[in-house]
Amino acid sequence: MKIFPLVLWNVLSGLLVLLFSLWLAGPGIAETETPTYNFWYLLFFVVWLIGLSLQFKRPLRKIGFSITLVPFIFYLVLTVQAIII
């Protein structure tokens, strides 16, 4: 794999996963006075970070790329479902 597309993928997917994770983990819109936080969505960013760290080791680069793909596809599917429905 060439280095420029890999770096570009990591930057763009990392920004998307971080922003969606922070947005979904936030208080959201509720009808009660106490905000509810859902910090489980931050685990997707942790999974992405694990995949990123695996990409620095030459034999594990493809596995790391696949792991960074999982949270990205999850948020992509959520976005497409929200647009369609």
C-alpha atoms as a PDB file:
ATOM      1  CA  MET A   1       0.000   0.000   0.000  1.00  0.00           C
ATOM      2  CA  LYS A   2       1.303   3.456  -0.835  1.00  0.00           C
ATOM      3  CA  ILE A   3       1.970   5.770   2.070  1.00  0.00           C
ATOM      4  CA  PHE A   4      -0.020   8.848   0.903  1.00  0.00           C
ATOM      5  CA  PRO A   5      -3.395   7.078   0.483  1.00  0.00           C
ATOM      6  CA  LEU A   6      -2.854   5.355   3.830  1.00  0.00           C
ATOM      7  CA  VAL A   7      -2.164   8.649   5.620  1.00  0.00           C
ATOM      8  CA  LEU A   8      -5.100  10.318   3.869  1.00  0.00           C
ATOM      9  CA  TRP A   9      -7.396   7.430   4.871  1.00  0.00           C
ATOM     10  CA  ASN A  10      -6.236   7.613   8.490  1.00  0.00           C
ATOM     11  CA  VAL A  11      -6.747  11.369   8.727  1.00  0.00           C
ATOM     12  CA  LEU A  12     -10.194  11.426   7.109  1.00  0.00           C
ATOM     13  CA  SER A  13     -11.571   8.326   8.800  1.00  0.00           C
ATOM     14  CA  GLY A  14     -10.093   9.400  12.136  1.00  0.00           C
ATOM     15  CA  LEU A  15     -11.783  12.794  11.970  1.00  0.00           C
ATOM     16  CA  LEU A  16     -15.097  11.260  10.995  1.00  0.00           C
ATOM     17  CA  VAL A  17     -14.980   8.573  13.701  1.00  0.00           C
ATOM     18  CA  LEU A  18     -13.861  11.081  16.361  1.00  0.00           C
ATOM     19  CA  LEU A  19     -16.555  13.618  15.505  1.00  0.00           C
ATOM     20  CA  PHE A  20     -19.355  11.052  15.347  1.00  0.00           C
ATOM     21  CA  SER A  21     -18.159   9.395  18.565  1.00  0.00           C
ATOM     22  CA  LEU A  22     -18.121  12.690  20.443  1.00  0.00           C
ATOM     23  CA  TRP A  23     -21.463  13.731  19.005  1.00  0.00           C
ATOM     24  CA  LEU A  24     -23.220  10.471  19.885  1.00  0.00           C
ATOM     25  CA  ALA A  25     -21.596  10.286  23.329  1.00  0.00           C
ATOM     26  CA  GLY A  26     -22.836  13.785  24.175  1.00  0.00           C
ATOM     27  CA  PRO A  27     -26.001  14.694  26.028  1.00  0.00           C
ATOM     28  CA  GLY A  28     -28.238  14.841  22.973  1.00  0.00           C
ATOM     29  CA  ILE A  29     -31.754  16.221  23.022  1.00  0.00           C
ATOM     30  CA  ALA A  30     -33.850  15.084  25.944  1.00  0.00           C
ATOM     31  CA  GLU A  31     -37.130  16.110  27.467  1.00  0.00           C
ATOM     32  CA  THR A  32     -35.764  15.791  31.000  1.00  0.00           C
ATOM     33  CA  GLU A  33     -33.653  18.320  32.836  1.00  0.00           C
ATOM     34  CA  THR A  34     -30.758  15.935  33.436  1.00  0.00           C
ATOM     35  CA  PRO A  35     -28.629  15.200  30.376  1.00  0.00           C
ATOM     36  CA  THR A  36     -27.803  11.571  29.698  1.00  0.00           C
ATOM     37  CA  TYR A  37     -24.406  10.741  28.289  1.00  0.00           C
ATOM     38  CA  ASN A  38     -23.715   7.544  26.381  1.00  0.00           C
ATOM     39  CA  PHE A  39     -19.971   7.008  26.570  1.00  0.00           C
ATOM     40  CA  TRP A  40     -20.136   3.602  24.858  1.00  0.00           C
ATOM     41  CA  TYR A  41     -19.828   5.323  21.505  1.00  0.00           C
ATOM     42  CA  LEU A  42     -16.300   6.402  22.457  1.00  0.00           C
ATOM     43  CA  LEU A  43     -15.291   2.741  22.222  1.00  0.00           C
ATOM     44  CA  PHE A  44     -15.535   3.025  18.449  1.00  0.00           C
ATOM     45  CA  PHE A  45     -12.804   5.661  18.535  1.00  0.00           C
ATOM     46  CA  VAL A  46     -10.706   3.393  20.766  1.00  0.00           C
ATOM     47  CA  VAL A  47     -11.147   0.563  18.240  1.00  0.00           C
ATOM     48  CA  TRP A  48     -10.068   2.954  15.500  1.00  0.00           C
ATOM     49  CA  LEU A  49      -6.976   3.913  17.538  1.00  0.00           C
ATOM     50  CA  ILE A  50      -6.071   0.230  17.958  1.00  0.00           C
ATOM     51  CA  GLY A  51      -6.310  -0.244  14.204  1.00  0.00           C
ATOM     52  CA  LEU A  52      -4.169   2.840  13.655  1.00  0.00           C
ATOM     53  CA  SER A  53      -1.483   1.571  16.012  1.00  0.00           C
ATOM     54  CA  LEU A  54      -1.427  -1.800  14.224  1.00  0.00           C
ATOM     55  CA  GLN A  55      -0.795  -0.060  10.905  1.00  0.00           C
ATOM     56  CA  PHE A  56       2.656   1.047  12.080  1.00  0.00           C
ATOM     57  CA  LYS A  57       3.855  -2.568  12.207  1.00  0.00           C
ATOM     58  CA  ARG A  58       4.625  -3.819   8.713  1.00  0.00           C
ATOM     59  CA  PRO A  59       3.143  -7.371   8.949  1.00  0.00           C
ATOM     60  CA  LEU A  60      -0.015  -6.133  10.703  1.00  0.00           C
ATOM     61  CA  ARG A  61      -0.769  -3.223   8.359  1.00  0.00           C
ATOM     62  CA  LYS A  62      -3.652  -4.961   6.537  1.00  0.00           C
ATOM     63  CA  ILE A  63      -5.230  -6.096   9.803  1.00  0.00           C
ATOM     64  CA  GLY A  64      -4.937  -2.558  11.203  1.00  0.00           C
ATOM     65  CA  PHE A  65      -6.524  -1.137   8.062  1.00  0.00           C
ATOM     66  CA  SER A  66      -9.402  -3.604   8.403  1.00  0.00           C
ATOM     67  CA  ILE A  67      -9.904  -2.668  12.046  1.00  0.00           C
ATOM     68  CA  THR A  68     -10.032   1.060  11.228  1.00  0.00           C
ATOM     69  CA  LEU A  69     -12.629   0.237   8.583  1.00  0.00           C
ATOM     70  CA  VAL A  70     -15.092  -1.225  11.139  1.00  0.00           C
ATOM     71  CA  PRO A  71     -16.043   2.010  13.020  1.00  0.00           C
ATOM     72  CA  PHE A  72     -16.051   3.976   9.777  1.00  0.00           C
ATOM     73  CA  ILE A  73     -18.519   1.584   8.156  1.00  0.00           C
ATOM     74  CA  PHE A  74     -20.654   1.546  11.320  1.00  0.00           C
ATOM     75  CA  TYR A  75     -21.051   5.331  11.257  1.00  0.00           C
ATOM     76  CA  LEU A  76     -21.511   5.320   7.494  1.00  0.00           C
ATOM     77  CA  VAL A  77     -24.374   2.815   7.796  1.00  0.00           C
ATOM     78  CA  LEU A  78     -25.964   4.874  10.597  1.00  0.00           C
ATOM     79  CA  THR A  79     -25.760   8.005   8.446  1.00  0.00           C
ATOM     80  CA  VAL A  80     -27.253   6.321   5.374  1.00  0.00           C
ATOM     81  CA  GLN A  81     -30.075   4.838   7.453  1.00  0.00           C
ATOM     82  CA  ALA A  82     -30.834   8.236   8.956  1.00  0.00           C
ATOM     83  CA  ILE A  83     -30.967   9.829   5.510  1.00  0.00           C
ATOM     84  CA  ILE A  84     -33.195   7.119   4.032  1.00  0.00           C
ATOM     85  CA  ILE A  85     -35.643   6.807   6.928  1.00  0.00           C
END
